N, C-alpha and C. Protein backbone atom coordinates (compact mmCIF):
# COMPACT_ATOMS: atom_id res chain seq x y z
N MET A 1 180.25 -66.76 108.39
CA MET A 1 180.37 -65.87 109.46
C MET A 1 179.20 -65.66 110.15
N LYS A 2 179.13 -65.50 111.34
CA LYS A 2 177.78 -65.06 112.18
C LYS A 2 177.46 -63.59 111.65
N THR A 3 176.03 -63.31 111.81
CA THR A 3 175.67 -61.93 111.40
C THR A 3 176.27 -61.06 112.50
N SER A 4 176.48 -61.19 113.84
CA SER A 4 176.77 -60.44 114.63
C SER A 4 178.27 -60.35 114.53
N ASP A 5 178.99 -61.26 113.90
CA ASP A 5 180.68 -60.91 113.63
C ASP A 5 180.59 -59.81 112.45
N LEU A 6 179.80 -60.14 111.35
CA LEU A 6 179.73 -59.36 110.30
C LEU A 6 179.56 -57.65 110.74
N ILE A 7 178.54 -57.46 111.70
CA ILE A 7 178.35 -56.17 112.02
C ILE A 7 179.26 -55.70 112.70
N ASP A 8 180.02 -56.44 113.84
CA ASP A 8 181.11 -55.96 114.43
C ASP A 8 182.23 -55.68 113.50
N ALA A 9 182.56 -56.58 112.47
CA ALA A 9 183.71 -56.40 111.51
C ALA A 9 183.18 -54.94 110.62
N LEU A 10 182.11 -54.62 110.42
CA LEU A 10 181.72 -53.44 109.50
C LEU A 10 181.72 -52.14 110.40
N ALA A 11 181.29 -52.48 111.68
CA ALA A 11 181.29 -51.29 112.46
C ALA A 11 182.83 -50.73 112.79
N ALA A 12 183.61 -51.72 112.93
CA ALA A 12 184.84 -51.38 113.25
C ALA A 12 185.70 -50.28 112.37
N GLY A 13 185.34 -50.43 111.11
CA GLY A 13 185.99 -49.80 110.09
C GLY A 13 184.83 -48.41 109.80
N ALA A 14 183.90 -48.26 110.33
CA ALA A 14 183.31 -47.08 110.42
C ALA A 14 183.56 -45.84 111.16
N GLY A 15 183.26 -44.82 110.67
CA GLY A 15 183.52 -43.45 111.67
C GLY A 15 182.13 -43.40 112.39
N PRO A 16 181.88 -42.55 113.10
CA PRO A 16 180.76 -42.05 113.98
C PRO A 16 179.88 -41.57 112.63
N ALA A 17 178.40 -42.12 112.70
CA ALA A 17 177.53 -41.74 111.81
C ALA A 17 176.93 -40.32 112.24
N SER A 18 176.40 -39.81 111.20
CA SER A 18 175.76 -38.46 111.16
C SER A 18 174.70 -38.34 112.55
N ARG A 19 174.72 -37.28 113.19
CA ARG A 19 173.87 -37.27 114.32
C ARG A 19 172.36 -36.66 113.88
N ALA A 20 172.45 -36.07 112.60
CA ALA A 20 171.20 -35.44 112.08
C ALA A 20 169.97 -36.52 111.92
N PRO A 21 170.16 -37.84 111.26
CA PRO A 21 169.14 -38.50 111.03
C PRO A 21 168.63 -39.23 112.35
N VAL A 22 169.50 -39.35 113.38
CA VAL A 22 169.14 -39.83 114.64
C VAL A 22 168.01 -38.68 115.38
N ALA A 23 168.48 -37.43 115.23
CA ALA A 23 167.63 -36.56 115.82
C ALA A 23 166.26 -36.32 115.20
N ARG A 24 166.22 -36.60 113.77
CA ARG A 24 164.94 -36.46 113.24
C ARG A 24 164.18 -37.46 113.43
N ARG A 25 164.39 -38.71 113.93
CA ARG A 25 163.76 -39.89 114.51
C ARG A 25 163.41 -39.73 115.81
N LEU A 26 164.32 -39.51 116.69
CA LEU A 26 163.96 -39.40 118.00
C LEU A 26 163.10 -38.33 118.72
N VAL A 27 163.38 -36.99 117.93
CA VAL A 27 162.67 -36.05 118.51
C VAL A 27 161.02 -36.06 118.51
N PRO A 28 160.58 -36.28 117.31
CA PRO A 28 159.26 -36.94 117.04
C PRO A 28 158.83 -37.75 118.21
N VAL A 29 159.57 -38.81 118.38
CA VAL A 29 159.15 -39.85 119.12
C VAL A 29 158.99 -39.19 120.47
N ALA A 30 159.74 -38.39 121.01
CA ALA A 30 159.73 -37.74 122.38
C ALA A 30 158.42 -37.12 122.35
N LEU A 31 158.11 -36.16 121.46
CA LEU A 31 157.02 -35.19 121.70
C LEU A 31 155.60 -36.06 121.44
N ALA A 32 155.65 -36.95 120.71
CA ALA A 32 154.45 -37.86 120.52
C ALA A 32 154.17 -38.71 121.78
N GLY A 33 155.20 -39.37 122.12
CA GLY A 33 155.29 -40.25 123.28
C GLY A 33 154.75 -39.56 124.52
N TRP A 34 155.31 -38.27 124.73
CA TRP A 34 154.88 -37.46 125.78
C TRP A 34 153.32 -36.90 125.72
N PHE A 35 153.03 -36.65 124.36
CA PHE A 35 151.80 -36.13 124.34
C PHE A 35 150.49 -37.22 124.48
N VAL A 36 150.92 -38.46 123.94
CA VAL A 36 149.96 -39.48 124.22
C VAL A 36 149.93 -40.08 125.70
N ALA A 37 151.04 -40.08 126.22
CA ALA A 37 151.26 -40.32 127.75
C ALA A 37 150.40 -39.31 128.57
N ALA A 38 150.59 -38.09 128.24
CA ALA A 38 149.64 -37.13 128.94
C ALA A 38 148.11 -36.96 128.70
N ALA A 39 147.87 -37.28 127.37
CA ALA A 39 146.46 -37.40 126.93
C ALA A 39 145.85 -38.66 127.82
N ALA A 40 146.63 -39.77 127.75
CA ALA A 40 146.10 -40.90 128.18
C ALA A 40 145.98 -40.89 129.89
N ALA A 41 146.91 -40.28 130.48
CA ALA A 41 146.72 -40.08 132.05
C ALA A 41 145.49 -39.01 132.43
N PHE A 42 145.25 -37.87 131.37
CA PHE A 42 144.28 -37.05 131.56
C PHE A 42 142.87 -37.73 131.35
N GLY A 43 142.97 -38.62 130.34
CA GLY A 43 141.48 -39.40 130.10
C GLY A 43 141.23 -40.35 131.06
N SER A 44 142.21 -41.12 131.76
CA SER A 44 142.05 -42.28 132.48
C SER A 44 141.93 -41.82 134.18
N ILE A 45 142.71 -40.86 134.35
CA ILE A 45 142.56 -40.19 135.91
C ILE A 45 142.17 -38.85 136.16
N GLY A 46 142.60 -38.12 134.86
CA GLY A 46 142.24 -36.55 135.05
C GLY A 46 143.36 -35.93 135.57
N PRO A 47 143.54 -34.29 135.43
CA PRO A 47 144.65 -33.77 135.72
C PRO A 47 144.77 -33.61 137.04
N ALA A 48 146.08 -33.41 137.66
CA ALA A 48 146.34 -33.24 139.08
C ALA A 48 145.59 -31.79 139.56
N PRO A 49 145.25 -31.99 140.99
CA PRO A 49 144.63 -30.61 141.25
C PRO A 49 145.65 -29.39 141.02
N ALA A 50 144.82 -28.25 140.79
CA ALA A 50 145.41 -26.99 140.37
C ALA A 50 146.36 -26.79 141.62
N VAL A 51 146.05 -26.90 142.58
CA VAL A 51 146.77 -26.30 143.93
C VAL A 51 148.21 -26.93 144.09
N MET A 52 148.56 -27.98 143.36
CA MET A 52 149.79 -28.39 143.30
C MET A 52 150.87 -27.85 142.45
N LEU A 53 150.27 -26.59 141.69
CA LEU A 53 151.15 -25.81 140.91
C LEU A 53 151.96 -25.05 141.71
N SER A 54 151.49 -24.67 143.09
CA SER A 54 152.21 -23.89 143.98
C SER A 54 153.08 -24.79 144.89
N GLY A 55 153.19 -26.00 144.65
CA GLY A 55 153.82 -27.00 145.45
C GLY A 55 155.26 -27.74 144.89
N ALA A 56 156.15 -28.07 145.65
CA ALA A 56 157.41 -28.54 145.02
C ALA A 56 156.89 -29.83 144.16
N ALA A 57 155.98 -30.69 144.63
CA ALA A 57 156.00 -32.01 144.45
C ALA A 57 155.85 -32.17 142.64
N LEU A 58 154.69 -31.60 142.21
CA LEU A 58 154.58 -31.50 140.64
C LEU A 58 155.96 -31.22 139.98
N TRP A 59 156.55 -30.00 140.47
CA TRP A 59 157.81 -29.53 139.57
C TRP A 59 158.90 -30.59 139.88
N THR A 60 159.04 -31.33 140.98
CA THR A 60 160.03 -32.16 141.05
C THR A 60 159.73 -33.44 140.29
N LYS A 61 158.58 -33.88 140.14
CA LYS A 61 158.12 -35.11 139.25
C LYS A 61 158.58 -34.56 137.67
N LEU A 62 158.01 -33.40 137.36
CA LEU A 62 158.33 -33.02 135.74
C LEU A 62 159.71 -32.76 135.80
N GLY A 63 160.56 -32.10 136.73
CA GLY A 63 162.10 -32.04 136.61
C GLY A 63 162.57 -33.43 136.33
N TYR A 64 162.42 -34.23 137.21
CA TYR A 64 163.08 -35.48 137.26
C TYR A 64 162.73 -36.41 136.13
N ALA A 65 161.43 -36.43 135.54
CA ALA A 65 161.37 -37.28 134.39
C ALA A 65 161.68 -36.49 133.24
N GLY A 66 161.71 -35.14 133.22
CA GLY A 66 162.04 -34.40 131.92
C GLY A 66 163.67 -34.57 131.88
N LEU A 67 164.44 -34.32 132.95
CA LEU A 67 165.92 -34.51 132.76
C LEU A 67 166.19 -35.95 132.38
N LEU A 68 165.58 -36.96 132.95
CA LEU A 68 166.02 -38.34 132.73
C LEU A 68 165.65 -38.57 131.43
N ALA A 69 164.65 -38.26 130.76
CA ALA A 69 164.29 -38.21 129.44
C ALA A 69 165.36 -37.77 128.20
N VAL A 70 165.68 -36.61 128.63
CA VAL A 70 166.94 -35.90 127.88
C VAL A 70 168.07 -36.68 127.89
N ALA A 71 168.53 -37.34 129.22
CA ALA A 71 169.51 -37.97 129.37
C ALA A 71 169.60 -39.39 128.59
N ALA A 72 168.25 -39.83 128.87
CA ALA A 72 168.17 -41.18 128.17
C ALA A 72 167.85 -41.18 126.61
N GLY A 73 167.38 -40.09 126.11
CA GLY A 73 167.36 -39.69 125.02
C GLY A 73 168.60 -39.50 124.07
N TRP A 74 169.58 -38.88 124.87
CA TRP A 74 170.92 -38.67 124.55
C TRP A 74 171.52 -40.33 124.49
N LEU A 75 171.26 -40.76 125.44
CA LEU A 75 171.93 -42.36 125.33
C LEU A 75 171.61 -43.00 124.26
N THR A 76 170.22 -43.15 123.93
CA THR A 76 169.67 -43.62 122.97
C THR A 76 170.15 -43.49 121.67
N ALA A 77 170.15 -41.90 121.49
CA ALA A 77 170.71 -41.53 120.28
C ALA A 77 172.35 -42.01 120.11
N ARG A 78 173.14 -42.13 121.12
CA ARG A 78 174.58 -42.61 120.83
C ARG A 78 174.37 -44.20 120.42
N LEU A 79 173.61 -44.63 120.92
CA LEU A 79 173.56 -46.24 120.85
C LEU A 79 173.00 -46.73 119.44
N ALA A 80 172.29 -45.67 119.01
CA ALA A 80 171.71 -45.81 117.45
C ALA A 80 172.63 -45.86 116.53
N ARG A 81 174.15 -45.32 116.86
CA ARG A 81 175.12 -45.16 115.70
C ARG A 81 176.25 -46.15 115.96
N PRO A 82 176.88 -46.44 115.22
CA PRO A 82 177.86 -47.47 115.43
C PRO A 82 179.05 -46.66 115.98
N VAL A 83 179.97 -47.26 116.77
CA VAL A 83 181.22 -46.29 117.19
C VAL A 83 181.06 -45.13 117.81
N SER A 84 180.15 -45.18 118.92
CA SER A 84 179.63 -43.99 119.63
C SER A 84 180.00 -44.32 120.91
N ARG A 85 180.68 -43.12 121.48
CA ARG A 85 180.87 -43.10 123.19
C ARG A 85 179.78 -43.02 123.72
N THR A 86 179.68 -43.69 124.86
CA THR A 86 178.26 -43.66 125.78
C THR A 86 178.69 -42.99 127.22
N ARG A 87 179.86 -42.76 127.65
CA ARG A 87 180.05 -42.44 128.93
C ARG A 87 179.53 -41.20 129.35
N GLY A 88 179.40 -40.15 128.30
CA GLY A 88 178.58 -38.85 128.71
C GLY A 88 177.19 -38.98 129.29
N PRO A 89 176.46 -39.54 128.26
CA PRO A 89 174.92 -39.99 128.32
C PRO A 89 174.87 -40.98 129.71
N VAL A 90 175.73 -41.69 129.98
CA VAL A 90 175.59 -42.83 130.96
C VAL A 90 175.68 -41.98 132.24
N ARG A 91 176.78 -41.18 132.59
CA ARG A 91 177.02 -40.33 133.44
C ARG A 91 175.89 -39.44 133.71
N ALA A 92 175.30 -39.00 132.66
CA ALA A 92 173.95 -37.81 132.83
C ALA A 92 172.96 -38.87 133.58
N VAL A 93 172.79 -39.98 132.98
CA VAL A 93 171.60 -40.62 133.49
C VAL A 93 171.88 -40.98 134.94
N LEU A 94 172.83 -41.53 135.48
CA LEU A 94 173.06 -42.08 136.71
C LEU A 94 173.31 -40.77 137.46
N GLY A 95 173.59 -39.35 137.01
CA GLY A 95 173.34 -38.47 137.81
C GLY A 95 172.08 -37.88 138.24
N VAL A 96 171.20 -37.94 137.16
CA VAL A 96 169.75 -37.42 137.58
C VAL A 96 169.30 -38.58 138.41
N VAL A 97 169.21 -39.74 138.32
CA VAL A 97 168.93 -40.84 139.47
C VAL A 97 169.44 -40.43 140.46
N ALA A 98 170.98 -40.48 140.75
CA ALA A 98 171.50 -40.15 141.98
C ALA A 98 170.88 -39.02 142.74
N ALA A 99 170.54 -37.89 142.02
CA ALA A 99 170.15 -36.73 142.54
C ALA A 99 168.52 -36.88 143.08
N MET A 100 167.76 -37.53 142.39
CA MET A 100 166.50 -37.93 142.51
C MET A 100 166.50 -38.80 144.07
N SER A 101 167.27 -39.81 144.18
CA SER A 101 167.59 -40.61 145.15
C SER A 101 167.96 -39.90 146.32
N ALA A 102 168.69 -39.07 146.25
CA ALA A 102 169.30 -38.37 147.32
C ALA A 102 168.31 -37.40 147.74
N ALA A 103 167.35 -36.62 147.01
CA ALA A 103 166.23 -35.79 147.39
C ALA A 103 165.11 -36.54 147.99
N GLY A 104 164.97 -37.89 147.52
CA GLY A 104 163.89 -38.83 148.20
C GLY A 104 164.44 -39.22 149.62
N ALA A 105 165.73 -39.42 149.66
CA ALA A 105 166.18 -39.98 150.93
C ALA A 105 166.25 -38.78 151.96
N LEU A 106 166.43 -37.47 151.55
CA LEU A 106 166.33 -36.36 152.51
C LEU A 106 165.02 -35.93 152.94
N SER A 107 164.09 -36.10 152.02
CA SER A 107 162.81 -36.16 152.50
C SER A 107 162.19 -37.06 153.48
N PHE A 108 162.53 -38.08 153.16
CA PHE A 108 162.34 -39.60 154.10
C PHE A 108 162.82 -39.18 155.49
N ALA A 109 164.01 -38.63 155.51
CA ALA A 109 164.65 -38.46 156.80
C ALA A 109 163.92 -37.20 157.58
N SER A 110 163.55 -36.32 156.98
CA SER A 110 163.23 -35.06 157.43
C SER A 110 161.81 -35.23 157.98
N ALA A 111 161.18 -36.39 157.33
CA ALA A 111 159.55 -36.46 157.77
C ALA A 111 159.53 -37.01 159.09
N PRO A 112 158.41 -36.39 159.98
CA PRO A 112 158.23 -37.06 161.46
C PRO A 112 158.38 -38.56 161.31
N SER A 113 158.78 -39.34 162.23
CA SER A 113 158.75 -40.79 162.38
C SER A 113 157.52 -41.45 162.16
N GLY A 114 156.45 -41.00 162.55
CA GLY A 114 155.12 -41.35 162.32
C GLY A 114 154.56 -41.24 161.06
N GLU A 115 155.14 -40.46 160.23
CA GLU A 115 154.49 -40.18 158.94
C GLU A 115 155.51 -40.70 157.66
N ARG A 116 156.54 -41.48 158.16
CA ARG A 116 157.56 -42.04 157.23
C ARG A 116 157.01 -42.94 156.23
N LEU A 117 156.21 -43.96 156.83
CA LEU A 117 155.65 -44.82 155.92
C LEU A 117 154.55 -44.20 154.86
N ALA A 118 153.76 -43.08 155.31
CA ALA A 118 153.23 -42.74 154.38
C ALA A 118 153.67 -41.73 153.11
N HIS A 119 154.75 -41.47 153.31
CA HIS A 119 155.94 -40.71 152.59
C HIS A 119 156.24 -41.79 151.50
N VAL A 120 156.70 -43.18 151.73
CA VAL A 120 156.93 -44.00 151.06
C VAL A 120 155.86 -44.77 150.22
N VAL A 121 154.61 -45.14 150.87
CA VAL A 121 153.63 -45.79 150.01
C VAL A 121 152.48 -44.74 149.37
N GLY A 122 152.40 -43.58 149.94
CA GLY A 122 151.45 -42.74 149.46
C GLY A 122 150.06 -43.40 149.12
N HIS A 123 149.45 -43.09 148.21
CA HIS A 123 147.87 -43.57 148.02
C HIS A 123 147.94 -44.54 146.86
N SER A 124 149.13 -44.55 146.27
CA SER A 124 149.06 -45.14 144.88
C SER A 124 150.28 -46.02 144.35
N SER A 125 150.85 -46.36 145.56
CA SER A 125 152.17 -47.15 145.20
C SER A 125 151.78 -48.45 144.50
N LEU A 126 150.87 -49.13 144.59
CA LEU A 126 150.43 -50.23 143.85
C LEU A 126 150.11 -49.93 142.14
N ILE A 127 149.80 -48.68 141.90
CA ILE A 127 149.46 -48.35 140.72
C ILE A 127 150.36 -47.54 139.79
N CYS A 128 150.98 -46.74 140.76
CA CYS A 128 151.90 -45.96 139.91
C CYS A 128 152.94 -46.40 139.07
N PRO A 129 153.70 -47.38 139.46
CA PRO A 129 154.92 -47.87 138.52
C PRO A 129 154.29 -48.72 137.31
N TRP A 130 153.07 -49.49 137.53
CA TRP A 130 152.50 -49.96 136.34
C TRP A 130 151.82 -49.06 135.38
N ALA A 131 151.36 -47.99 136.05
CA ALA A 131 150.91 -46.61 135.22
C ALA A 131 151.98 -46.18 134.38
N VAL A 132 153.03 -46.03 135.01
CA VAL A 132 154.21 -45.63 134.08
C VAL A 132 154.61 -46.24 133.01
N LEU A 133 154.50 -47.58 133.30
CA LEU A 133 155.06 -48.63 132.35
C LEU A 133 153.98 -48.48 131.23
N LEU A 134 152.81 -48.76 131.34
CA LEU A 134 151.63 -48.60 130.45
C LEU A 134 151.98 -47.24 129.53
N LEU A 135 151.94 -46.10 130.35
CA LEU A 135 152.11 -45.00 129.59
C LEU A 135 153.40 -44.69 128.55
N SER A 136 154.30 -45.44 128.91
CA SER A 136 155.51 -45.51 128.32
C SER A 136 155.47 -46.38 127.00
N LEU A 137 154.56 -47.39 126.98
CA LEU A 137 154.54 -48.14 125.43
C LEU A 137 154.59 -47.50 124.43
N PRO A 138 153.52 -46.43 124.02
CA PRO A 138 153.65 -45.87 122.87
C PRO A 138 154.94 -45.21 122.32
N ALA A 139 155.59 -44.64 123.51
CA ALA A 139 157.06 -44.09 123.13
C ALA A 139 157.97 -44.99 123.10
N LEU A 140 157.76 -46.34 123.61
CA LEU A 140 158.67 -47.28 123.50
C LEU A 140 158.57 -48.09 121.98
N ALA A 141 157.44 -48.12 121.79
CA ALA A 141 157.19 -48.61 120.23
C ALA A 141 157.86 -47.56 119.20
N GLY A 142 157.62 -46.41 119.29
CA GLY A 142 158.01 -45.40 118.37
C GLY A 142 159.51 -45.32 118.25
N ALA A 143 160.37 -45.45 119.77
CA ALA A 143 161.95 -45.47 119.61
C ALA A 143 162.26 -46.93 119.06
N MET A 144 161.61 -47.96 119.26
CA MET A 144 161.97 -49.24 118.57
C MET A 144 161.97 -49.22 117.07
N LEU A 145 160.89 -48.72 116.70
CA LEU A 145 160.75 -48.45 115.16
C LEU A 145 161.89 -47.42 114.61
N ALA A 146 162.27 -46.20 115.62
CA ALA A 146 163.16 -45.40 115.05
C ALA A 146 164.39 -46.22 115.04
N LEU A 147 164.86 -46.79 115.74
CA LEU A 147 166.30 -47.49 116.16
C LEU A 147 166.22 -48.51 114.78
N ARG A 148 165.25 -49.21 114.40
CA ARG A 148 165.28 -50.13 113.51
C ARG A 148 165.66 -49.59 111.91
N THR A 149 165.36 -48.22 111.92
CA THR A 149 165.88 -47.61 110.80
C THR A 149 167.13 -47.03 111.06
N LEU A 150 167.90 -47.13 111.96
CA LEU A 150 169.23 -46.47 112.24
C LEU A 150 170.28 -47.79 112.23
N ALA A 151 171.33 -47.54 113.00
CA ALA A 151 172.34 -48.38 113.02
C ALA A 151 173.03 -49.07 114.29
N PRO A 152 171.92 -49.39 115.07
CA PRO A 152 172.36 -49.81 116.78
C PRO A 152 173.18 -51.23 116.51
N THR A 153 174.50 -51.21 116.95
CA THR A 153 175.13 -52.74 116.80
C THR A 153 175.40 -53.17 118.38
N ARG A 154 174.62 -52.53 119.36
CA ARG A 154 174.37 -53.18 120.69
C ARG A 154 173.00 -53.31 120.96
N PRO A 155 172.05 -54.37 120.31
CA PRO A 155 170.88 -54.01 120.53
C PRO A 155 170.33 -54.17 121.96
N ARG A 156 170.74 -54.97 122.83
CA ARG A 156 170.40 -55.21 124.10
C ARG A 156 170.50 -53.73 124.93
N LEU A 157 171.56 -52.94 124.64
CA LEU A 157 171.79 -52.03 125.42
C LEU A 157 170.93 -50.45 124.78
N ALA A 158 170.88 -50.70 123.63
CA ALA A 158 170.12 -49.79 122.62
C ALA A 158 168.59 -49.77 123.22
N GLY A 159 167.97 -51.30 123.28
CA GLY A 159 166.69 -51.53 123.74
C GLY A 159 166.57 -50.91 125.12
N LEU A 160 167.51 -51.07 126.13
CA LEU A 160 167.36 -50.70 127.41
C LEU A 160 167.28 -49.19 127.49
N ALA A 161 168.32 -48.69 126.60
CA ALA A 161 168.17 -47.17 126.55
C ALA A 161 166.84 -46.43 126.18
N ALA A 162 166.43 -47.29 125.09
CA ALA A 162 165.07 -46.86 124.39
C ALA A 162 163.89 -46.97 125.63
N GLY A 163 163.93 -47.98 126.39
CA GLY A 163 163.09 -48.22 127.21
C GLY A 163 163.12 -47.36 128.56
N LEU A 164 164.34 -46.81 128.91
CA LEU A 164 164.55 -45.81 129.91
C LEU A 164 163.86 -44.63 129.37
N PHE A 165 164.21 -44.19 128.15
CA PHE A 165 163.73 -43.07 127.33
C PHE A 165 162.38 -42.84 127.57
N ALA A 166 161.66 -44.17 126.96
CA ALA A 166 159.98 -44.13 126.95
C ALA A 166 159.41 -44.16 128.28
N GLY A 167 160.01 -44.91 129.42
CA GLY A 167 159.71 -44.99 130.68
C GLY A 167 159.59 -43.50 131.24
N SER A 168 160.72 -42.50 130.90
CA SER A 168 160.69 -41.24 131.44
C SER A 168 159.65 -40.57 130.91
N LEU A 169 159.49 -40.54 129.49
CA LEU A 169 158.33 -40.15 128.76
C LEU A 169 156.81 -40.34 129.52
N GLY A 170 156.64 -41.62 130.00
CA GLY A 170 155.64 -42.18 130.40
C GLY A 170 155.40 -41.52 131.68
N ALA A 171 156.69 -41.43 132.61
CA ALA A 171 156.48 -40.65 133.74
C ALA A 171 156.10 -39.17 133.61
N LEU A 172 156.77 -38.69 132.80
CA LEU A 172 156.24 -37.24 132.30
C LEU A 172 154.91 -37.01 132.18
N GLY A 173 154.31 -37.89 131.54
CA GLY A 173 152.86 -37.69 131.25
C GLY A 173 152.02 -37.98 132.59
N TYR A 174 152.45 -39.07 133.12
CA TYR A 174 151.71 -39.55 134.45
C TYR A 174 151.76 -38.41 135.50
N ALA A 175 152.98 -37.51 135.45
CA ALA A 175 153.25 -36.73 136.51
C ALA A 175 151.81 -35.52 136.46
N LEU A 176 151.38 -35.27 135.22
CA LEU A 176 150.41 -34.21 135.14
C LEU A 176 149.15 -34.58 135.74
N ALA A 177 149.16 -36.01 136.17
CA ALA A 177 147.77 -36.47 136.67
C ALA A 177 147.81 -36.99 138.15
N CYS A 178 149.11 -37.14 138.55
CA CYS A 178 149.20 -37.91 139.90
C CYS A 178 149.23 -36.70 140.76
N GLU A 179 148.51 -37.44 142.09
CA GLU A 179 148.28 -36.58 143.02
C GLU A 179 149.04 -36.51 144.33
N GLU A 180 150.16 -37.68 144.24
CA GLU A 180 151.24 -37.74 145.38
C GLU A 180 152.15 -36.67 145.68
N THR A 181 152.15 -36.30 146.97
CA THR A 181 153.07 -34.96 147.07
C THR A 181 154.48 -35.38 147.96
N SER A 182 154.73 -36.63 148.07
CA SER A 182 155.90 -37.17 148.52
C SER A 182 157.02 -37.13 147.57
N ILE A 183 158.24 -36.57 147.87
CA ILE A 183 159.44 -36.55 147.08
C ILE A 183 159.89 -37.89 147.12
N THR A 184 159.77 -38.54 148.42
CA THR A 184 160.20 -39.95 148.53
C THR A 184 159.64 -41.15 147.86
N PHE A 185 158.16 -40.84 147.54
CA PHE A 185 157.27 -41.56 146.69
C PHE A 185 157.79 -41.43 145.19
N VAL A 186 158.22 -40.43 144.88
CA VAL A 186 158.55 -40.10 143.51
C VAL A 186 159.78 -40.93 143.19
N ALA A 187 160.75 -40.72 144.19
CA ALA A 187 162.14 -41.47 144.00
C ALA A 187 161.95 -42.72 143.73
N ILE A 188 160.90 -43.64 144.40
CA ILE A 188 160.88 -44.97 144.52
C ILE A 188 160.06 -45.45 143.50
N TRP A 189 158.78 -44.97 143.57
CA TRP A 189 157.92 -45.58 142.60
C TRP A 189 157.85 -44.97 141.11
N TYR A 190 158.10 -43.84 140.87
CA TYR A 190 158.51 -43.45 139.56
C TYR A 190 159.72 -44.15 138.86
N SER A 191 160.58 -44.30 139.74
CA SER A 191 162.01 -44.91 139.35
C SER A 191 161.59 -46.36 138.95
N LEU A 192 160.88 -46.85 139.77
CA LEU A 192 160.45 -48.28 139.33
C LEU A 192 159.76 -48.50 138.32
N GLY A 193 158.94 -47.79 138.09
CA GLY A 193 158.02 -47.64 136.71
C GLY A 193 158.94 -47.45 135.51
N ILE A 194 160.02 -46.52 135.64
CA ILE A 194 160.76 -46.06 134.42
C ILE A 194 161.80 -47.66 134.61
N ALA A 195 162.07 -48.00 135.44
CA ALA A 195 162.97 -49.35 135.29
C ALA A 195 162.37 -50.46 134.77
N LEU A 196 160.98 -50.61 135.09
CA LEU A 196 160.35 -51.63 134.27
C LEU A 196 160.31 -51.70 132.90
N ALA A 197 160.32 -50.12 132.46
CA ALA A 197 160.20 -49.96 130.85
C ALA A 197 161.70 -50.19 130.46
N ALA A 198 162.68 -49.68 131.07
CA ALA A 198 163.88 -50.13 130.82
C ALA A 198 164.17 -51.65 130.65
N ALA A 199 163.60 -52.39 131.39
CA ALA A 199 163.96 -53.79 131.41
C ALA A 199 163.16 -54.24 130.27
N LEU A 200 161.97 -54.03 129.88
CA LEU A 200 161.14 -54.19 128.83
C LEU A 200 162.06 -53.94 127.76
N GLY A 201 162.54 -52.74 127.45
CA GLY A 201 163.30 -52.36 126.17
C GLY A 201 164.43 -53.25 126.18
N ALA A 202 165.17 -53.66 127.10
CA ALA A 202 166.17 -54.70 126.97
C ALA A 202 165.98 -55.84 126.79
N TRP A 203 164.73 -56.35 127.14
CA TRP A 203 164.41 -58.06 126.59
C TRP A 203 163.85 -57.73 125.10
N LEU A 204 163.40 -56.69 124.64
CA LEU A 204 162.95 -56.29 123.33
C LEU A 204 164.04 -56.17 122.33
N GLY A 205 165.24 -55.39 122.91
CA GLY A 205 166.28 -55.02 122.06
C GLY A 205 166.83 -56.22 121.15
N PRO A 206 167.40 -57.32 121.65
CA PRO A 206 167.79 -58.30 120.69
C PRO A 206 166.97 -58.89 119.77
N ARG A 207 165.56 -58.79 120.18
CA ARG A 207 164.47 -59.54 119.25
C ARG A 207 164.06 -58.53 118.24
N VAL A 208 164.01 -57.07 118.56
CA VAL A 208 163.60 -56.28 117.61
C VAL A 208 164.52 -55.48 116.76
N LEU A 209 165.87 -55.39 117.29
CA LEU A 209 166.88 -54.62 116.80
C LEU A 209 168.09 -55.29 115.92
N ARG A 210 167.91 -56.67 116.23
CA ARG A 210 169.10 -57.39 115.57
C ARG A 210 168.89 -57.25 113.98
N TRP A 211 170.02 -57.18 113.37
CA TRP A 211 170.16 -57.02 111.86
C TRP A 211 169.96 -58.32 111.24
C-alpha cells in the first residue's frame, strides 16, 4: 500500500482533531513572523513617514494584510487536521481578496486619467512583491515546521495555505515601511507578493509535509 493510500485510509476513520494543538503552534508563528518581518522592513527600509498615519493608505494596507492573515491562518489550521471542512476559511480568503480588488478598481477608476499609470506602478512596483516574499520566509518556515508536527493530509493545499498565511504576515510587516499611497498599488503588488509566497508554499508542501 502506498503511503498516501494509508494516510487516506487512516484519515477516513478519524474524527476532527482537537483545535488546541493547532492554535498553540500557529499563533506563535503568526506573532513571531510578523515581528521579524516588521523588524527586517524597518532595518532595511525604515519606517513609513508619520504623516501616513492620518491617511487611508497605511490603514488599508494593514487591514488587508491583517484580515488576509487571519483568514489564511484559519485555512491553514483547518488543513493541519484530518477531516476538516475548508469552505468557511476559503470563502473568507476569497472575500478579503475580492474586497481589496474592488477597492483597487474603484481607486483606479476615480483617479484622473493622466494619473492612473502612477496609481498602478507607484515608485516601487519592481520591489514590493519581492520584498513581501522575502519578508514572508521566516513565517513560512515556521508554519511548515508547525504543520510537520500536526496531521495535514493534503500537503500541497496545506503548503499553499501556509504560504498565503506567511505572505500576508510579510505584507503586514512591509506595510509599516512602505511609502506607497495608492490603493490600486496595494491591490496589485501586495497581492502579487502574497501570491508568490502561496506558490512557494504549494511547491514546498508535498516535499516538506509528506508523511
